Amino acid sequence: MEIHMVVKTADIKAVDLLAEESGLSRGQVKVAMKNGAVWLERQSHVQRLRRADRKPLSGDVLHLYYNPDIQQQKPPPARLIADEGEYSVWFKPAGMYSQGSKWGDQCSLPRWAEQHLHPQRNAFIIHRLDRAASGLMLLAHSKTAAQKLSALFRQRALTKQYRVQVWGEFPQGDICIDTPLNGKQAVSWVSRQAYDAGKDKSLLQVVIDTGRKHQIRRHLAGLGYPVVGDRLYGGGDTADLQLQAVSLAFDCPLSGEQREYRLPG
């Protein structure tokens, strides 16, 4: 359900306006607002509206994007790795989104961080991980930090390392995969760490120079070694996706200090 309504009368709560317009109960609308599925548009500026008692002005536009399946989703818990004040590093579990959508953000890492950091702060996404993947993610807590950290990714001044399990006996040695993806340069460096002949699986270390959508999964599948659990490129594999971001290393653009965050194992 999508509702887009122009507010004609001021001094009426948004929850009441949307309940009447949509046919949903006030309770359902309140939950949708809390979960980030309601937006307030005022003079071309659009932002999520979470407060049920907010009274929009005449001429404002309320947007409700309601999907009961999305509203019922509950995120697996993320884990804080390091709180550096202006930014933080988290372990994103498989199943959690890197960012929200217009339909809601309660299952996204930024929203989780906003609700669980002490003191509470806004959270801005810097980079992404596939929903089915797990591992380290960096969040900024100011627009200045977001701009400077995002520049590290654009300039490829941040090293990202992944631990990946694939089907088959992957070749030994350091292998560079530079097959373009969607017409754009994409570079992945892969080295085999171990091979299990009984299960016919290889454990790989992957470092990427670029961050194209599904880059690691597409590069490895293109060589004939799909990631274990890759249901999109692995031919219907039903296991959990065995792709994890295990290391982030960079020179902090705020302090100038070297930073490295690594998962154990």
C-alpha atoms as a PDB file:
ATOM      1  CA  MET A   1       0.000   0.000   0.000  1.00  0.00           C
ATOM      2  CA  GLU A   2       1.214   3.466  -0.890  1.00  0.00           C
ATOM      3  CA  ILE A   3      -0.496   6.588   0.438  1.00  0.00           C
ATOM      4  CA  HIS A   4       0.458  10.084  -0.742  1.00  0.00           C
ATOM      5  CA  MET A   5      -1.742  12.736   0.798  1.00  0.00           C
ATOM      6  CA  VAL A   6      -1.625  16.516   0.858  1.00  0.00           C
ATOM      7  CA  VAL A   7      -2.420  17.867   4.303  1.00  0.00           C
ATOM      8  CA  LYS A   8      -5.316  20.306   4.005  1.00  0.00           C
ATOM      9  CA  THR A   9      -5.979  21.047   7.663  1.00  0.00           C
ATOM     10  CA  ALA A  10      -3.326  21.842  10.236  1.00  0.00           C
ATOM     11  CA  ASP A  11      -3.442  20.856  13.908  1.00  0.00           C
ATOM     12  CA  ILE A  12      -4.275  17.182  13.264  1.00  0.00           C
ATOM     13  CA  LYS A  13      -1.804  14.474  14.229  1.00  0.00           C
ATOM     14  CA  ALA A  14      -0.108  12.638  11.371  1.00  0.00           C
ATOM     15  CA  VAL A  15      -1.093   9.278  12.829  1.00  0.00           C
ATOM     16  CA  ASP A  16      -4.774  10.235  12.707  1.00  0.00           C
ATOM     17  CA  LEU A  17      -4.565  11.580   9.168  1.00  0.00           C
ATOM     18  CA  LEU A  18      -2.856   8.437   7.877  1.00  0.00           C
ATOM     19  CA  ALA A  19      -5.121   6.038   9.764  1.00  0.00           C
ATOM     20  CA  GLU A  20      -8.199   7.650   8.238  1.00  0.00           C
ATOM     21  CA  GLU A  21      -6.696   7.771   4.746  1.00  0.00           C
ATOM     22  CA  SER A  22      -5.297   4.232   4.735  1.00  0.00           C
ATOM     23  CA  GLY A  23      -7.863   2.298   6.736  1.00  0.00           C
ATOM     24  CA  LEU A  24      -5.123   0.990   9.031  1.00  0.00           C
ATOM     25  CA  SER A  25      -5.472   1.186  12.794  1.00  0.00           C
ATOM     26  CA  ARG A  26      -3.682   3.918  14.714  1.00  0.00           C
ATOM     27  CA  GLY A  27      -1.504   1.202  16.235  1.00  0.00           C
ATOM     28  CA  GLN A  28      -0.462  -0.104  12.826  1.00  0.00           C
ATOM     29  CA  VAL A  29       0.378   3.410  11.637  1.00  0.00           C
ATOM     30  CA  LYS A  30       2.392   4.109  14.810  1.00  0.00           C
ATOM     31  CA  VAL A  31       4.490   0.980  14.247  1.00  0.00           C
ATOM     32  CA  ALA A  32       4.993   1.902  10.589  1.00  0.00           C
ATOM     33  CA  MET A  33       6.174   5.357  11.647  1.00  0.00           C
ATOM     34  CA  LYS A  34       8.582   3.916  14.196  1.00  0.00           C
ATOM     35  CA  ASN A  35       9.899   1.533  11.541  1.00  0.00           C
ATOM     36  CA  GLY A  36      10.601   4.337   9.076  1.00  0.00           C
ATOM     37  CA  ALA A  37       7.805   3.744   6.554  1.00  0.00           C
ATOM     38  CA  VAL A  38       6.279   7.237   6.843  1.00  0.00           C
ATOM     39  CA  TRP A  39       7.782  10.325   5.220  1.00  0.00           C
ATOM     40  CA  LEU A  40       7.037  14.044   5.555  1.00  0.00           C
ATOM     41  CA  GLU A  41       7.552  16.272   2.514  1.00  0.00           C
ATOM     42  CA  ARG A  42       7.739  20.027   3.044  1.00  0.00           C
ATOM     43  CA  GLN A  43       8.836  22.420   0.305  1.00  0.00           C
ATOM     44  CA  SER A  44      10.685  19.665  -1.596  1.00  0.00           C
ATOM     45  CA  HIS A  45      12.496  18.497   1.577  1.00  0.00           C
ATOM     46  CA  VAL A  46      11.631  14.894   2.466  1.00  0.00           C
ATOM     47  CA  GLN A  47      12.516  13.067   5.680  1.00  0.00           C
ATOM     48  CA  ARG A  48      11.240  10.125   7.695  1.00  0.00           C
ATOM     49  CA  LEU A  49       8.514  10.979  10.195  1.00  0.00           C
ATOM     50  CA  ARG A  50       8.651   8.806  13.317  1.00  0.00           C
ATOM     51  CA  ARG A  51       6.723  10.839  15.894  1.00  0.00           C
ATOM     52  CA  ALA A  52       3.073   9.834  15.971  1.00  0.00           C
ATOM     53  CA  ASP A  53       2.031  13.056  17.716  1.00  0.00           C
ATOM     54  CA  ARG A  54       3.631  15.312  15.086  1.00  0.00           C
ATOM     55  CA  LYS A  55       1.106  17.714  13.540  1.00  0.00           C
ATOM     56  CA  PRO A  56       2.037  18.502   9.928  1.00  0.00           C
ATOM     57  CA  LEU A  57       1.313  21.890   8.414  1.00  0.00           C
ATOM     58  CA  SER A  58      -1.252  22.635   5.747  1.00  0.00           C
ATOM     59  CA  GLY A  59       0.389  21.962   2.371  1.00  0.00           C
ATOM     60  CA  ASP A  60       2.727  19.278   3.710  1.00  0.00           C
ATOM     61  CA  VAL A  61       2.629  15.906   1.974  1.00  0.00           C
ATOM     62  CA  LEU A  62       2.562  12.662   3.947  1.00  0.00           C
ATOM     63  CA  HIS A  63       3.837   9.458   2.323  1.00  0.00           C
ATOM     64  CA  LEU A  64       3.114   6.008   3.736  1.00  0.00           C
ATOM     65  CA  TYR A  65       4.728   2.882   2.267  1.00  0.00           C
ATOM     66  CA  TYR A  66       3.089  -0.059   3.999  1.00  0.00           C
ATOM     67  CA  ASN A  67       4.034  -3.684   3.473  1.00  0.00           C
ATOM     68  CA  PRO A  68       2.892  -5.966   6.320  1.00  0.00           C
ATOM     69  CA  ASP A  69       5.664  -8.490   5.610  1.00  0.00           C
ATOM     70  CA  ILE A  70       8.323  -5.798   5.950  1.00  0.00           C
ATOM     71  CA  GLN A  71       6.676  -4.365   9.056  1.00  0.00           C
ATOM     72  CA  GLN A  72       6.834  -7.753  10.768  1.00  0.00           C
ATOM     73  CA  GLN A  73      10.538  -8.271  10.083  1.00  0.00           C
ATOM     74  CA  LYS A  74      12.882  -8.130  13.058  1.00  0.00           C
ATOM     75  CA  PRO A  75      16.615  -7.602  12.566  1.00  0.00           C
ATOM     76  CA  PRO A  76      19.251  -9.974  13.928  1.00  0.00           C
ATOM     77  CA  PRO A  77      21.427  -8.087  16.436  1.00  0.00           C
ATOM     78  CA  ALA A  78      24.518  -6.258  15.210  1.00  0.00           C
ATOM     79  CA  ARG A  79      27.656  -6.034  17.374  1.00  0.00           C
ATOM     80  CA  LEU A  80      29.645  -2.901  18.065  1.00  0.00           C
ATOM     81  CA  ILE A  81      33.348  -3.417  17.325  1.00  0.00           C
ATOM     82  CA  ALA A  82      34.664   0.108  17.982  1.00  0.00           C
ATOM     83  CA  ASP A  83      33.108   3.477  18.792  1.00  0.00           C
ATOM     84  CA  GLU A  84      35.424   6.252  17.618  1.00  0.00           C
ATOM     85  CA  GLY A  85      32.982   9.079  18.314  1.00  0.00           C
ATOM     86  CA  GLU A  86      32.693  10.540  14.815  1.00  0.00           C
ATOM     87  CA  TYR A  87      32.327   7.055  13.358  1.00  0.00           C
ATOM     88  CA  SER A  88      31.920   3.478  14.498  1.00  0.00           C
ATOM     89  CA  VAL A  89      32.686  -0.010  13.243  1.00  0.00           C
ATOM     90  CA  TRP A  90      30.093  -2.774  13.493  1.00  0.00           C
ATOM     91  CA  PHE A  91      29.729  -6.460  12.789  1.00  0.00           C
ATOM     92  CA  LYS A  92      26.720  -6.726  10.480  1.00  0.00           C
ATOM     93  CA  PRO A  93      25.131 -10.176  10.738  1.00  0.00           C
ATOM     94  CA  ALA A  94      23.777 -12.044   7.735  1.00  0.00           C
ATOM     95  CA  GLY A  95      20.160 -11.054   7.205  1.00  0.00           C
ATOM     96  CA  MET A  96      20.553  -7.427   8.255  1.00  0.00           C
ATOM     97  CA  TYR A  97      20.316  -4.743   5.572  1.00  0.00           C
ATOM     98  CA  SER A  98      23.124  -2.253   4.995  1.00  0.00           C
ATOM     99  CA  GLN A  99      20.557   0.508   4.583  1.00  0.00           C
ATOM    100  CA  GLY A 100      16.829   1.039   4.755  1.00  0.00           C
ATOM    101  CA  SER A 101      14.361   1.747   1.963  1.00  0.00           C
ATOM    102  CA  LYS A 102      11.255   3.869   1.640  1.00  0.00           C
ATOM    103  CA  TRP A 103       9.330   0.880   3.051  1.00  0.00           C
ATOM    104  CA  GLY A 104      11.209   0.966   6.355  1.00  0.00           C
ATOM    105  CA  ASP A 105      14.603   0.844   8.013  1.00  0.00           C
ATOM    106  CA  GLN A 106      14.117  -1.117  11.233  1.00  0.00           C
ATOM    107  CA  CYS A 107      16.162  -4.030   9.854  1.00  0.00           C
ATOM    108  CA  SER A 108      19.083  -1.859   8.724  1.00  0.00           C
ATOM    109  CA  LEU A 109      22.437  -1.408  10.418  1.00  0.00           C
ATOM    110  CA  PRO A 110      22.300   2.431  10.546  1.00  0.00           C
ATOM    111  CA  ARG A 111      18.965   2.358  12.378  1.00  0.00           C
ATOM    112  CA  TRP A 112      20.255  -0.315  14.752  1.00  0.00           C
ATOM    113  CA  ALA A 113      23.278   1.860  15.511  1.00  0.00           C
ATOM    114  CA  GLU A 114      21.139   4.939  16.124  1.00  0.00           C
ATOM    115  CA  GLN A 115      19.098   3.023  18.677  1.00  0.00           C
ATOM    116  CA  HIS A 116      21.974   1.257  20.457  1.00  0.00           C
ATOM    117  CA  LEU A 117      24.858   3.734  20.570  1.00  0.00           C
ATOM    118  CA  HIS A 118      25.475   5.627  23.808  1.00  0.00           C
ATOM    119  CA  PRO A 119      25.252   8.542  23.545  1.00  0.00           C
ATOM    120  CA  GLN A 120      22.771   8.305  20.678  1.00  0.00           C
ATOM    121  CA  ARG A 121      23.827   9.763  17.337  1.00  0.00           C
ATOM    122  CA  ASN A 122      22.676   9.852  13.742  1.00  0.00           C
ATOM    123  CA  ALA A 123      24.235   7.182  11.542  1.00  0.00           C
ATOM    124  CA  PHE A 124      25.248   7.668   7.910  1.00  0.00           C
ATOM    125  CA  ILE A 125      26.096   4.778   5.606  1.00  0.00           C
ATOM    126  CA  ILE A 126      29.588   4.815   4.034  1.00  0.00           C
ATOM    127  CA  HIS A 127      29.636   1.506   2.153  1.00  0.00           C
ATOM    128  CA  ARG A 128      27.515  -1.614   1.777  1.00  0.00           C
ATOM    129  CA  LEU A 129      27.495  -5.347   2.315  1.00  0.00           C
ATOM    130  CA  ASP A 130      25.045  -7.722   0.689  1.00  0.00           C
ATOM    131  CA  ARG A 131      22.168  -8.600   2.990  1.00  0.00           C
ATOM    132  CA  ALA A 132      23.189 -12.281   2.936  1.00  0.00           C
ATOM    133  CA  ALA A 133      26.833 -11.447   3.752  1.00  0.00           C
ATOM    134  CA  SER A 134      28.228 -10.653   7.180  1.00  0.00           C
ATOM    135  CA  GLY A 135      31.199  -8.724   8.486  1.00  0.00           C
ATOM    136  CA  LEU A 136      32.642  -5.310   9.268  1.00  0.00           C
ATOM    137  CA  MET A 137      30.898  -2.111   8.272  1.00  0.00           C
ATOM    138  CA  LEU A 138      31.814   1.499   8.888  1.00  0.00           C
ATOM    139  CA  LEU A 139      29.197   4.106   9.877  1.00  0.00           C
ATOM    140  CA  ALA A 140      29.687   7.863  10.206  1.00  0.00           C
ATOM    141  CA  HIS A 141      27.941  10.005  12.825  1.00  0.00           C
ATOM    142  CA  SER A 142      28.297  13.442  11.279  1.00  0.00           C
ATOM    143  CA  LYS A 143      28.030  14.752   7.742  1.00  0.00           C
ATOM    144  CA  THR A 144      31.654  15.864   7.849  1.00  0.00           C
ATOM    145  CA  ALA A 145      32.847  12.405   8.870  1.00  0.00           C
ATOM    146  CA  ALA A 146      30.610  10.833   6.228  1.00  0.00           C
ATOM    147  CA  GLN A 147      32.123  12.992   3.482  1.00  0.00           C
ATOM    148  CA  LYS A 148      35.704  12.310   4.513  1.00  0.00           C
ATOM    149  CA  LEU A 149      35.230   8.565   5.014  1.00  0.00           C
ATOM    150  CA  SER A 150      33.306   8.227   1.752  1.00  0.00           C
ATOM    151  CA  ALA A 151      36.249   9.909   0.005  1.00  0.00           C
ATOM    152  CA  LEU A 152      38.492   7.054   1.190  1.00  0.00           C
ATOM    153  CA  PHE A 153      36.335   4.596  -0.738  1.00  0.00           C
ATOM    154  CA  ARG A 154      36.215   6.768  -3.841  1.00  0.00           C
ATOM    155  CA  GLN A 155      39.987   7.182  -3.734  1.00  0.00           C
ATOM    156  CA  ARG A 156      40.512   3.470  -2.972  1.00  0.00           C
ATOM    157  CA  ALA A 157      42.497   4.464   0.105  1.00  0.00           C
ATOM    158  CA  LEU A 158      40.874   1.853   2.316  1.00  0.00           C
ATOM    159  CA  THR A 159      41.803  -1.848   2.338  1.00  0.00           C
ATOM    160  CA  LYS A 160      38.922  -4.315   2.597  1.00  0.00           C
ATOM    161  CA  GLN A 161      39.640  -7.986   3.152  1.00  0.00           C
ATOM    162  CA  TYR A 162      37.128 -10.817   2.931  1.00  0.00           C
ATOM    163  CA  ARG A 163      37.055 -14.464   3.984  1.00  0.00           C
ATOM    164  CA  VAL A 164      35.199 -16.505   1.390  1.00  0.00           C
ATOM    165  CA  GLN A 165      34.419 -20.186   0.937  1.00  0.00           C
ATOM    166  CA  VAL A 166      33.824 -21.460  -2.592  1.00  0.00           C
ATOM    167  CA  TRP A 167      32.950 -24.738  -4.243  1.00  0.00           C
ATOM    168  CA  GLY A 168      35.818 -26.522  -5.974  1.00  0.00           C
ATOM    169  CA  GLU A 169      39.602 -26.597  -5.753  1.00  0.00           C
ATOM    170  CA  PHE A 170      40.614 -23.017  -6.366  1.00  0.00           C
ATOM    171  CA  PRO A 171      44.106 -22.581  -7.900  1.00  0.00           C
ATOM    172  CA  GLN A 172      46.997 -21.736  -5.611  1.00  0.00           C
ATOM    173  CA  GLY A 173      48.879 -18.459  -5.776  1.00  0.00           C
ATOM    174  CA  ASP A 174      47.790 -14.834  -5.914  1.00  0.00           C
ATOM    175  CA  ILE A 175      45.221 -14.376  -8.655  1.00  0.00           C
ATOM    176  CA  CYS A 176      43.910 -11.055  -9.957  1.00  0.00           C
ATOM    177  CA  ILE A 177      40.401 -11.037 -11.415  1.00  0.00           C
ATOM    178  CA  ASP A 178      39.797  -7.855 -13.378  1.00  0.00           C
ATOM    179  CA  THR A 179      36.707  -8.702 -15.405  1.00  0.00           C
ATOM    180  CA  PRO A 180      34.650  -5.490 -15.818  1.00  0.00           C
ATOM    181  CA  LEU A 181      31.178  -5.534 -14.253  1.00  0.00           C
ATOM    182  CA  ASN A 182      28.332  -3.591 -15.859  1.00  0.00           C
ATOM    183  CA  GLY A 183      30.862  -1.829 -18.047  1.00  0.00           C
ATOM    184  CA  LYS A 184      32.938  -0.591 -15.086  1.00  0.00           C
ATOM    185  CA  GLN A 185      36.394  -1.540 -13.877  1.00  0.00           C
ATOM    186  CA  ALA A 186      36.354  -4.201 -11.144  1.00  0.00           C
ATOM    187  CA  VAL A 187      39.460  -5.714  -9.528  1.00  0.00           C
ATOM    188  CA  SER A 188      39.587  -8.568  -7.000  1.00  0.00           C
ATOM    189  CA  TRP A 189      42.753 -10.151  -5.600  1.00  0.00           C
ATOM    190  CA  VAL A 190      42.287 -13.758  -4.495  1.00  0.00           C
ATOM    191  CA  SER A 191      44.538 -16.214  -2.686  1.00  0.00           C
ATOM    192  CA  ARG A 192      43.673 -19.719  -1.514  1.00  0.00           C
ATOM    193  CA  GLN A 193      44.145 -20.365   2.203  1.00  0.00           C
ATOM    194  CA  ALA A 194      43.001 -24.001   2.399  1.00  0.00           C
ATOM    195  CA  TYR A 195      41.255 -26.747   0.439  1.00  0.00           C
ATOM    196  CA  ASP A 196      38.969 -29.441   1.867  1.00  0.00           C
ATOM    197  CA  ALA A 197      39.044 -32.336  -0.606  1.00  0.00           C
ATOM    198  CA  GLY A 198      36.340 -34.230   1.259  1.00  0.00           C
ATOM    199  CA  LYS A 199      33.851 -31.392   0.895  1.00  0.00           C
ATOM    200  CA  ASP A 200      35.415 -30.006  -2.291  1.00  0.00           C
ATOM    201  CA  LYS A 201      35.546 -26.498  -0.843  1.00  0.00           C
ATOM    202  CA  SER A 202      38.277 -23.861  -0.883  1.00  0.00           C
ATOM    203  CA  LEU A 203      38.816 -21.154   1.709  1.00  0.00           C
ATOM    204  CA  LEU A 204      39.912 -17.889   0.102  1.00  0.00           C
ATOM    205  CA  GLN A 205      41.206 -14.512   1.138  1.00  0.00           C
ATOM    206  CA  VAL A 206      39.904 -11.745  -1.127  1.00  0.00           C
ATOM    207  CA  VAL A 207      40.963  -8.103  -1.277  1.00  0.00           C
ATOM    208  CA  ILE A 208      39.037  -5.788  -3.587  1.00  0.00           C
ATOM    209  CA  ASP A 209      40.274  -2.595  -5.187  1.00  0.00           C
ATOM    210  CA  THR A 210      36.774  -1.617  -6.319  1.00  0.00           C
ATOM    211  CA  GLY A 211      33.347  -2.115  -4.808  1.00  0.00           C
ATOM    212  CA  ARG A 212      30.937  -3.079  -7.556  1.00  0.00           C
ATOM    213  CA  LYS A 213      27.611  -4.690  -6.726  1.00  0.00           C
ATOM    214  CA  HIS A 214      28.106  -8.401  -5.928  1.00  0.00           C
ATOM    215  CA  GLN A 215      31.680  -8.042  -7.184  1.00  0.00           C
ATOM    216  CA  ILE A 216      33.250 -10.957  -5.308  1.00  0.00           C
ATOM    217  CA  ARG A 217      30.327 -13.280  -5.959  1.00  0.00           C
ATOM    218  CA  ARG A 218      30.226 -12.489  -9.675  1.00  0.00           C
ATOM    219  CA  HIS A 219      33.992 -12.649 -10.163  1.00  0.00           C
ATOM    220  CA  LEU A 220      34.332 -16.027  -8.459  1.00  0.00           C
ATOM    221  CA  ALA A 221      31.265 -17.531 -10.119  1.00  0.00           C
ATOM    222  CA  GLY A 222      32.601 -16.321 -13.467  1.00  0.00           C
ATOM    223  CA  LEU A 223      35.744 -18.419 -12.914  1.00  0.00           C
ATOM    224  CA  GLY A 224      33.641 -21.475 -12.071  1.00  0.00           C
ATOM    225  CA  TYR A 225      34.054 -21.274  -8.269  1.00  0.00           C
ATOM    226  CA  PRO A 226      30.753 -19.970  -6.883  1.00  0.00           C
ATOM    227  CA  VAL A 227      30.621 -18.823  -3.279  1.00  0.00           C
ATOM    228  CA  VAL A 228      29.081 -21.434  -0.988  1.00  0.00           C
ATOM    229  CA  GLY A 229      25.510 -20.396  -0.255  1.00  0.00           C
ATOM    230  CA  ASP A 230      25.231 -18.033  -3.217  1.00  0.00           C
ATOM    231  CA  ARG A 231      21.653 -18.546  -4.352  1.00  0.00           C
ATOM    232  CA  LEU A 232      21.882 -15.866  -7.033  1.00  0.00           C
ATOM    233  CA  TYR A 233      25.080 -16.901  -8.860  1.00  0.00           C
ATOM    234  CA  GLY A 234      25.659 -20.372  -7.418  1.00  0.00           C
ATOM    235  CA  GLY A 235      22.950 -22.357  -9.124  1.00  0.00           C
ATOM    236  CA  GLY A 236      20.396 -22.707  -6.347  1.00  0.00           C
ATOM    237  CA  ASP A 237      22.754 -23.357  -3.434  1.00  0.00           C
ATOM    238  CA  THR A 238      20.682 -23.529  -0.233  1.00  0.00           C
ATOM    239  CA  ALA A 239      23.454 -23.040   2.361  1.00  0.00           C
ATOM    240  CA  ASP A 240      24.113 -19.734   4.137  1.00  0.00           C
ATOM    241  CA  LEU A 241      26.310 -17.362   2.135  1.00  0.00           C
ATOM    242  CA  GLN A 242      29.960 -17.955   3.114  1.00  0.00           C
ATOM    243  CA  LEU A 243      31.253 -14.455   2.483  1.00  0.00           C
ATOM    244  CA  GLN A 244      32.449 -12.283   5.353  1.00  0.00           C
ATOM    245  CA  ALA A 245      34.199  -8.910   5.507  1.00  0.00           C
ATOM    246  CA  VAL A 246      36.934  -9.556   8.075  1.00  0.00           C
ATOM    247  CA  SER A 247      39.215  -6.506   7.911  1.00  0.00           C
ATOM    248  CA  LEU A 248      39.101  -2.750   7.339  1.00  0.00           C
ATOM    249  CA  ALA A 249      42.317  -0.703   7.317  1.00  0.00           C
ATOM    250  CA  PHE A 250      42.794   2.995   6.538  1.00  0.00           C
ATOM    251  CA  ASP A 251      44.393   6.241   7.637  1.00  0.00           C
ATOM    252  CA  CYS A 252      41.728   8.098   9.620  1.00  0.00           C
ATOM    253  CA  PRO A 253      40.914  11.313   7.709  1.00  0.00           C
ATOM    254  CA  LEU A 254      39.890  12.994  10.983  1.00  0.00           C
ATOM    255  CA  SER A 255      42.860  12.187  13.229  1.00  0.00           C
ATOM    256  CA  GLY A 256      45.518  11.090  10.725  1.00  0.00           C
ATOM    257  CA  GLU A 257      46.075   7.894  12.727  1.00  0.00           C
ATOM    258  CA  GLN A 258      46.304   4.455  11.164  1.00  0.00           C
ATOM    259  CA  ARG A 259      43.265   2.311  11.881  1.00  0.00           C
ATOM    260  CA  GLU A 260      42.755  -1.403  11.416  1.00  0.00           C
ATOM    261  CA  TYR A 261      39.753  -3.421  12.518  1.00  0.00           C
ATOM    262  CA  ARG A 262      39.772  -7.191  12.174  1.00  0.00           C
ATOM    263  CA  LEU A 263      37.492 -10.076  13.064  1.00  0.00           C
ATOM    264  CA  PRO A 264      39.153 -13.042  14.822  1.00  0.00           C
ATOM    265  CA  GLY A 265      39.599 -16.392  13.135  1.00  0.00           C
END
